[in-house]
């Protein structure tokens, strides 16, 4: 499989339906639907992610789910699921200081 084929697969997956998962509130960087993170871990992740966003304009979110099929219609690759989720949530910056980033 070529890189181009992989890109086309991810792009095709991004065209599928919505992800049924609400984004976290502003200032929260974890969504733990699988129950994998302790309260201390969530707090630490939120602290690190907030600092990265503030200091480097780097958005980091940690999302845990039990199954992708619980939150979408039809099959999806993990890459396609993540791309659709972050596009839907508006994660990232299209432009920073006049430069295209995404």
Protein backbone atom coordinates (compact mmCIF):
# COMPACT_ATOMS: atom_id res chain seq x y z
CA UNK A 1 0.00 0.00 0.00
CA UNK A 2 1.45 3.34 -1.02
CA UNK A 3 1.35 6.51 1.04
CA UNK A 4 -1.02 7.95 -1.54
CA UNK A 5 -3.41 5.01 -1.08
CA UNK A 6 -3.25 5.51 2.69
CA UNK A 7 -4.00 9.21 2.32
CA UNK A 8 -6.96 8.45 0.05
CA UNK A 9 -8.30 5.97 2.60
CA UNK A 10 -8.08 8.54 5.40
CA UNK A 11 -9.67 11.20 3.18
CA UNK A 12 -12.51 8.83 2.27
CA UNK A 13 -13.07 7.99 5.92
CA UNK A 14 -13.22 11.70 6.74
CA UNK A 15 -16.16 12.03 4.36
CA UNK A 16 -18.33 9.60 6.33
CA UNK A 17 -20.94 10.67 8.85
CA UNK A 18 -20.51 12.49 12.13
CA UNK A 19 -18.88 11.27 15.30
CA UNK A 20 -21.36 11.15 18.17
CA UNK A 21 -19.13 12.47 20.90
CA UNK A 22 -19.38 15.88 22.54
CA UNK A 23 -16.21 17.94 22.90
CA UNK A 24 -14.96 18.76 26.38
CA UNK A 25 -15.70 22.17 27.87
CA UNK A 26 -13.13 24.92 27.31
CA UNK A 27 -10.06 24.37 29.47
CA UNK A 28 -10.63 20.60 29.71
CA UNK A 29 -8.45 18.42 27.49
CA UNK A 30 -9.65 14.92 28.38
CA UNK A 31 -12.72 12.91 27.38
CA UNK A 32 -12.61 9.57 29.19
CA UNK A 33 -15.61 7.51 28.10
CA UNK A 34 -13.67 4.26 28.64
CA UNK A 35 -12.96 5.11 32.28
CA UNK A 36 -9.20 4.63 31.91
CA UNK A 37 -7.96 7.83 33.52
CA UNK A 38 -7.78 8.61 37.22
CA UNK A 39 -8.84 12.04 38.45
CA UNK A 40 -5.17 12.85 39.10
CA UNK A 41 -4.21 11.77 35.56
CA UNK A 42 -6.96 13.92 34.04
CA UNK A 43 -5.83 16.92 36.09
CA UNK A 44 -2.19 16.45 35.06
CA UNK A 45 -3.09 16.01 31.38
CA UNK A 46 -5.24 19.15 31.53
CA UNK A 47 -2.36 21.10 33.09
CA UNK A 48 0.17 19.94 30.47
CA UNK A 49 -2.24 20.43 27.56
CA UNK A 50 -3.18 23.93 28.74
CA UNK A 51 0.50 24.89 28.96
CA UNK A 52 1.21 23.50 25.48
CA UNK A 53 -1.73 25.39 24.03
CA UNK A 54 -0.81 28.63 25.79
CA UNK A 55 2.96 28.50 25.15
CA UNK A 56 3.18 26.77 21.74
CA UNK A 57 -0.33 26.96 20.23
CA UNK A 58 -0.27 23.14 20.27
CA UNK A 59 -3.71 21.64 20.91
CA UNK A 60 -3.58 18.24 22.64
CA UNK A 61 -6.68 16.26 23.57
CA UNK A 62 -6.80 12.81 25.13
CA UNK A 63 -9.91 10.85 24.18
CA UNK A 64 -10.71 7.33 25.39
CA UNK A 65 -13.69 5.33 24.19
CA UNK A 66 -14.69 1.69 24.48
CA UNK A 67 -15.40 1.23 20.75
CA UNK A 68 -15.50 3.51 17.71
CA UNK A 69 -18.77 1.86 16.69
CA UNK A 70 -20.38 3.31 19.85
CA UNK A 71 -19.80 6.81 18.48
CA UNK A 72 -20.16 6.55 14.69
CA UNK A 73 -22.19 4.96 11.93
CA UNK A 74 -20.40 2.23 10.05
CA UNK A 75 -16.79 1.06 10.05
CA UNK A 76 -13.86 3.43 10.33
CA UNK A 77 -10.11 3.26 10.72
CA UNK A 78 -8.67 4.81 13.85
CA UNK A 79 -7.05 7.49 11.66
CA UNK A 80 -10.31 8.29 9.89
CA UNK A 81 -12.23 8.35 13.16
CA UNK A 82 -9.70 10.70 14.77
CA UNK A 83 -9.60 12.97 11.71
CA UNK A 84 -13.39 13.23 11.63
CA UNK A 85 -13.59 13.82 15.40
CA UNK A 86 -10.98 16.58 15.45
CA UNK A 87 -12.39 18.21 12.30
CA UNK A 88 -15.85 18.13 13.86
CA UNK A 89 -14.55 19.59 17.13
CA UNK A 90 -12.43 22.19 15.31
CA UNK A 91 -9.17 21.06 16.91
CA UNK A 92 -6.09 22.80 15.61
CA UNK A 93 -5.40 26.04 13.86
CA UNK A 94 -5.86 26.57 10.15
CA UNK A 95 -3.45 29.47 10.38
CA UNK A 96 -0.98 30.84 12.92
CA UNK A 97 0.72 34.19 12.33
CA UNK A 98 -0.42 34.12 8.72
CA UNK A 99 1.04 30.65 8.01
CA UNK A 100 -1.13 27.67 7.07
CA UNK A 101 -0.78 24.85 9.62
CA UNK A 102 -3.46 22.33 8.68
